[in-house]
Amino acid sequence: MGHNGHMGHGDMDMPSGPVCNMNMLFTWDTTDLCIIFHWWHINSTFTLLVSLAAVALLTAGYEGVRELSRRYEASSAEYMNSLPNDEDDSGSYKWLGKSAGQAHQRAKLVKAAFYALQVFYSFFIMLLFMTYNGWVMFSVAVGAFIGYLGSAGGSATKSAACH
């Protein structure tokens, strides 16, 4: 049986609009590059440059979130150390309706939210890197550099990890 023509595929509609090219090998080619979403399609030098700047800003933002998390954790620890223990009878903070235990729970919830945001953000950055496009990868590194310079600078030995 011959397979010339399209045999039964004549009724299929071909997708119109931009087609995303997904590479699983490292490349510098930006032809039909889509970054994470179908609508984030690179179709010109201008959209490439704007996208690379956006990737760098997104990555720098990750360092900003890490810095906010570190600051919150430090101020939270300082605040927790200033509170009397629940066993303390002084009651100096109990008239506010806040015990050390409640303050600890609130701080733990906020820290958990920061942690969840960082995990989400880091996986998002991983997806950017997994375009396997050298320009996008370089932009991630530039964003990390800028973000680190803009933050108070925690340990540089702490690597960015997916989780």
C-alpha atoms as a PDB file:
ATOM      1  CA  MET A   1       0.000   0.000   0.000  1.00  0.00           C
ATOM      2  CA  GLY A   2       1.489   3.316  -1.043  1.00  0.00           C
ATOM      3  CA  HIS A   3       1.851   6.251   1.302  1.00  0.00           C
ATOM      4  CA  ASN A   4       2.080   8.964  -1.286  1.00  0.00           C
ATOM      5  CA  GLY A   5       0.158  12.100  -0.546  1.00  0.00           C
ATOM      6  CA  HIS A   6      -1.208  12.607   2.924  1.00  0.00           C
ATOM      7  CA  MET A   7      -3.678   9.699   2.977  1.00  0.00           C
ATOM      8  CA  GLY A   8      -6.502  10.762   5.217  1.00  0.00           C
ATOM      9  CA  HIS A   9      -4.759  13.813   6.635  1.00  0.00           C
ATOM     10  CA  GLY A  10      -6.351  16.276   4.246  1.00  0.00           C
ATOM     11  CA  ASP A  11      -8.899  17.455   6.797  1.00  0.00           C
ATOM     12  CA  MET A  12      -6.305  18.287   9.479  1.00  0.00           C
ATOM     13  CA  ASP A  13      -5.777  21.976  10.073  1.00  0.00           C
ATOM     14  CA  MET A  14      -2.154  22.966  10.308  1.00  0.00           C
ATOM     15  CA  PRO A  15      -1.398  25.298  13.205  1.00  0.00           C
ATOM     16  CA  SER A  16      -1.252  28.930  12.237  1.00  0.00           C
ATOM     17  CA  GLY A  17       0.970  31.432  13.990  1.00  0.00           C
ATOM     18  CA  PRO A  18       4.398  31.007  15.487  1.00  0.00           C
ATOM     19  CA  VAL A  19       5.876  27.556  15.856  1.00  0.00           C
ATOM     20  CA  CYS A  20       8.127  26.906  18.827  1.00  0.00           C
ATOM     21  CA  ASN A  21      11.406  25.150  18.242  1.00  0.00           C
ATOM     22  CA  MET A  22      12.449  23.140  21.298  1.00  0.00           C
ATOM     23  CA  ASN A  23      16.050  22.033  21.432  1.00  0.00           C
ATOM     24  CA  MET A  24      17.350  19.324  23.705  1.00  0.00           C
ATOM     25  CA  LEU A  25      20.952  20.125  22.842  1.00  0.00           C
ATOM     26  CA  PHE A  26      22.911  23.308  23.506  1.00  0.00           C
ATOM     27  CA  THR A  27      22.507  25.910  20.780  1.00  0.00           C
ATOM     28  CA  TRP A  28      22.983  29.610  20.076  1.00  0.00           C
ATOM     29  CA  ASP A  29      20.232  29.531  17.432  1.00  0.00           C
ATOM     30  CA  THR A  30      17.201  31.669  18.251  1.00  0.00           C
ATOM     31  CA  THR A  31      15.065  30.697  15.254  1.00  0.00           C
ATOM     32  CA  ASP A  32      11.527  30.035  16.536  1.00  0.00           C
ATOM     33  CA  LEU A  33      12.757  30.088  20.133  1.00  0.00           C
ATOM     34  CA  CYS A  34       9.969  30.124  22.702  1.00  0.00           C
ATOM     35  CA  ILE A  35      10.864  30.845  26.307  1.00  0.00           C
ATOM     36  CA  ILE A  36       8.742  28.764  28.692  1.00  0.00           C
ATOM     37  CA  PHE A  37       5.406  29.874  27.204  1.00  0.00           C
ATOM     38  CA  HIS A  38       4.099  29.622  23.645  1.00  0.00           C
ATOM     39  CA  TRP A  39       3.382  33.370  23.647  1.00  0.00           C
ATOM     40  CA  TRP A  40       6.981  34.216  24.652  1.00  0.00           C
ATOM     41  CA  HIS A  41       8.199  33.717  21.092  1.00  0.00           C
ATOM     42  CA  ILE A  42      11.424  35.207  19.747  1.00  0.00           C
ATOM     43  CA  ASN A  43      10.827  36.444  16.224  1.00  0.00           C
ATOM     44  CA  SER A  44      13.302  39.318  15.859  1.00  0.00           C
ATOM     45  CA  THR A  45      16.513  40.743  17.242  1.00  0.00           C
ATOM     46  CA  PHE A  46      14.450  43.245  19.231  1.00  0.00           C
ATOM     47  CA  THR A  47      12.300  40.559  20.919  1.00  0.00           C
ATOM     48  CA  LEU A  48      15.480  38.584  21.651  1.00  0.00           C
ATOM     49  CA  LEU A  49      17.123  41.570  23.374  1.00  0.00           C
ATOM     50  CA  VAL A  50      13.977  42.441  25.343  1.00  0.00           C
ATOM     51  CA  SER A  51      13.582  38.799  26.362  1.00  0.00           C
ATOM     52  CA  LEU A  52      17.205  38.489  27.458  1.00  0.00           C
ATOM     53  CA  ALA A  53      16.805  41.634  29.568  1.00  0.00           C
ATOM     54  CA  ALA A  54      13.592  40.202  31.069  1.00  0.00           C
ATOM     55  CA  VAL A  55      15.367  36.909  31.870  1.00  0.00           C
ATOM     56  CA  ALA A  56      18.201  38.813  33.560  1.00  0.00           C
ATOM     57  CA  LEU A  57      15.702  40.869  35.592  1.00  0.00           C
ATOM     58  CA  LEU A  58      13.746  37.753  36.580  1.00  0.00           C
ATOM     59  CA  THR A  59      16.936  36.065  37.734  1.00  0.00           C
ATOM     60  CA  ALA A  60      18.086  39.159  39.615  1.00  0.00           C
ATOM     61  CA  GLY A  61      14.676  39.180  41.277  1.00  0.00           C
ATOM     62  CA  TYR A  62      15.378  35.728  42.679  1.00  0.00           C
ATOM     63  CA  GLU A  63      18.340  37.159  44.574  1.00  0.00           C
ATOM     64  CA  GLY A  64      16.045  39.923  45.809  1.00  0.00           C
ATOM     65  CA  VAL A  65      13.599  37.365  47.194  1.00  0.00           C
ATOM     66  CA  ARG A  66      16.470  35.503  48.872  1.00  0.00           C
ATOM     67  CA  GLU A  67      17.656  38.768  50.436  1.00  0.00           C
ATOM     68  CA  LEU A  68      14.156  39.603  51.716  1.00  0.00           C
ATOM     69  CA  SER A  69      13.931  36.122  53.181  1.00  0.00           C
ATOM     70  CA  ARG A  70      17.278  36.495  54.951  1.00  0.00           C
ATOM     71  CA  ARG A  71      16.278  39.895  56.338  1.00  0.00           C
ATOM     72  CA  TYR A  72      12.940  38.605  57.562  1.00  0.00           C
ATOM     73  CA  GLU A  73      14.591  35.635  59.213  1.00  0.00           C
ATOM     74  CA  ALA A  74      17.117  37.882  60.994  1.00  0.00           C
ATOM     75  CA  SER A  75      14.489  40.380  62.202  1.00  0.00           C
ATOM     76  CA  SER A  76      12.176  37.550  63.192  1.00  0.00           C
ATOM     77  CA  ALA A  77      14.908  35.913  65.274  1.00  0.00           C
ATOM     78  CA  GLU A  78      15.675  39.247  66.947  1.00  0.00           C
ATOM     79  CA  TYR A  79      12.001  39.807  67.716  1.00  0.00           C
ATOM     80  CA  MET A  80      11.586  36.249  69.036  1.00  0.00           C
ATOM     81  CA  ASN A  81      14.553  36.716  71.354  1.00  0.00           C
ATOM     82  CA  SER A  82      12.980  39.870  72.775  1.00  0.00           C
ATOM     83  CA  LEU A  83       9.738  38.091  73.718  1.00  0.00           C
ATOM     84  CA  PRO A  84       9.357  36.499  77.137  1.00  0.00           C
ATOM     85  CA  ASN A  85       8.862  32.739  77.285  1.00  0.00           C
ATOM     86  CA  ASP A  86       5.310  31.436  77.607  1.00  0.00           C
ATOM     87  CA  GLU A  87       6.291  30.159  81.032  1.00  0.00           C
ATOM     88  CA  ASP A  88       7.351  33.665  82.098  1.00  0.00           C
ATOM     89  CA  ASP A  89       4.722  35.198  84.364  1.00  0.00           C
ATOM     90  CA  SER A  90       5.586  38.786  83.509  1.00  0.00           C
ATOM     91  CA  GLY A  91       2.835  38.855  80.896  1.00  0.00           C
ATOM     92  CA  SER A  92       4.312  41.967  79.293  1.00  0.00           C
ATOM     93  CA  TYR A  93       3.222  40.884  75.810  1.00  0.00           C
ATOM     94  CA  LYS A  94       0.203  38.811  76.764  1.00  0.00           C
ATOM     95  CA  TRP A  95      -1.968  41.912  77.133  1.00  0.00           C
ATOM     96  CA  LEU A  96      -1.486  42.379  73.364  1.00  0.00           C
ATOM     97  CA  GLY A  97      -2.941  38.908  72.864  1.00  0.00           C
ATOM     98  CA  LYS A  98       0.360  37.597  71.534  1.00  0.00           C
ATOM     99  CA  SER A  99       2.343  34.928  73.227  1.00  0.00           C
ATOM    100  CA  ALA A 100       5.809  33.845  72.196  1.00  0.00           C
ATOM    101  CA  GLY A 101       4.276  30.644  70.813  1.00  0.00           C
ATOM    102  CA  GLN A 102       1.874  32.559  68.562  1.00  0.00           C
ATOM    103  CA  ALA A 103       4.646  34.836  67.355  1.00  0.00           C
ATOM    104  CA  HIS A 104       6.790  31.778  66.608  1.00  0.00           C
ATOM    105  CA  GLN A 105       3.962  30.185  64.580  1.00  0.00           C
ATOM    106  CA  ARG A 106       3.424  33.373  62.586  1.00  0.00           C
ATOM    107  CA  ALA A 107       7.144  33.672  61.863  1.00  0.00           C
ATOM    108  CA  LYS A 108       7.249  30.025  60.799  1.00  0.00           C
ATOM    109  CA  LEU A 109       4.331  30.559  58.385  1.00  0.00           C
ATOM    110  CA  VAL A 110       5.994  33.605  56.804  1.00  0.00           C
ATOM    111  CA  LYS A 111       9.319  31.746  56.490  1.00  0.00           C
ATOM    112  CA  ALA A 112       7.488  28.809  54.881  1.00  0.00           C
ATOM    113  CA  ALA A 113       5.877  31.197  52.389  1.00  0.00           C
ATOM    114  CA  PHE A 114       9.285  32.670  51.550  1.00  0.00           C
ATOM    115  CA  TYR A 115      10.667  29.159  51.131  1.00  0.00           C
ATOM    116  CA  ALA A 116       7.820  28.111  48.818  1.00  0.00           C
ATOM    117  CA  LEU A 117       8.299  31.265  46.735  1.00  0.00           C
ATOM    118  CA  GLN A 118      12.032  30.558  46.438  1.00  0.00           C
ATOM    119  CA  VAL A 119      11.413  26.956  45.371  1.00  0.00           C
ATOM    120  CA  PHE A 120       8.863  28.068  42.754  1.00  0.00           C
ATOM    121  CA  TYR A 121      11.192  30.814  41.536  1.00  0.00           C
ATOM    122  CA  SER A 122      14.198  28.490  41.318  1.00  0.00           C
ATOM    123  CA  PHE A 123      12.258  25.923  39.277  1.00  0.00           C
ATOM    124  CA  PHE A 124      11.128  28.738  36.968  1.00  0.00           C
ATOM    125  CA  ILE A 125      14.769  29.735  36.467  1.00  0.00           C
ATOM    126  CA  MET A 126      15.595  26.076  35.815  1.00  0.00           C
ATOM    127  CA  LEU A 127      12.990  26.071  33.031  1.00  0.00           C
ATOM    128  CA  LEU A 128      14.612  29.177  31.552  1.00  0.00           C
ATOM    129  CA  PHE A 129      17.956  27.402  31.565  1.00  0.00           C
ATOM    130  CA  MET A 130      16.399  24.293  30.021  1.00  0.00           C
ATOM    131  CA  THR A 131      15.731  26.125  26.771  1.00  0.00           C
ATOM    132  CA  TYR A 132      19.323  24.961  26.145  1.00  0.00           C
ATOM    133  CA  ASN A 133      19.885  28.274  24.409  1.00  0.00           C
ATOM    134  CA  GLY A 134      23.262  29.850  25.113  1.00  0.00           C
ATOM    135  CA  TRP A 135      21.879  33.393  25.030  1.00  0.00           C
ATOM    136  CA  VAL A 136      19.211  32.584  27.616  1.00  0.00           C
ATOM    137  CA  MET A 137      21.712  30.699  29.784  1.00  0.00           C
ATOM    138  CA  PHE A 138      24.112  33.643  29.647  1.00  0.00           C
ATOM    139  CA  SER A 139      21.271  36.009  30.550  1.00  0.00           C
ATOM    140  CA  VAL A 140      20.445  33.860  33.602  1.00  0.00           C
ATOM    141  CA  ALA A 141      24.076  34.134  34.726  1.00  0.00           C
ATOM    142  CA  VAL A 142      24.106  37.915  34.151  1.00  0.00           C
ATOM    143  CA  GLY A 143      20.903  38.250  36.171  1.00  0.00           C
ATOM    144  CA  ALA A 144      22.369  36.211  39.017  1.00  0.00           C
ATOM    145  CA  PHE A 145      25.465  38.435  38.956  1.00  0.00           C
ATOM    146  CA  ILE A 146      23.402  41.639  39.013  1.00  0.00           C
ATOM    147  CA  GLY A 147      21.097  40.261  41.706  1.00  0.00           C
ATOM    148  CA  TYR A 148      24.021  39.283  43.886  1.00  0.00           C
ATOM    149  CA  LEU A 149      25.607  42.723  43.505  1.00  0.00           C
ATOM    150  CA  GLY A 150      22.294  44.346  44.382  1.00  0.00           C
ATOM    151  CA  SER A 151      21.742  42.276  47.494  1.00  0.00           C
ATOM    152  CA  ALA A 152      23.558  42.550  50.791  1.00  0.00           C
ATOM    153  CA  GLY A 153      25.440  39.480  49.650  1.00  0.00           C
ATOM    154  CA  GLY A 154      24.874  36.341  51.592  1.00  0.00           C
ATOM    155  CA  SER A 155      27.338  33.572  51.137  1.00  0.00           C
ATOM    156  CA  ALA A 156      28.628  33.330  47.571  1.00  0.00           C
ATOM    157  CA  THR A 157      29.266  29.632  48.151  1.00  0.00           C
ATOM    158  CA  LYS A 158      25.507  28.990  48.316  1.00  0.00           C
ATOM    159  CA  SER A 159      24.725  27.917  44.809  1.00  0.00           C
ATOM    160  CA  ALA A 160      21.422  28.490  43.117  1.00  0.00           C
ATOM    161  CA  ALA A 161      19.709  25.146  43.059  1.00  0.00           C
ATOM    162  CA  CYS A 162      16.392  23.957  41.762  1.00  0.00           C
ATOM    163  CA  HIS A 163      15.548  22.896  45.293  1.00  0.00           C
END
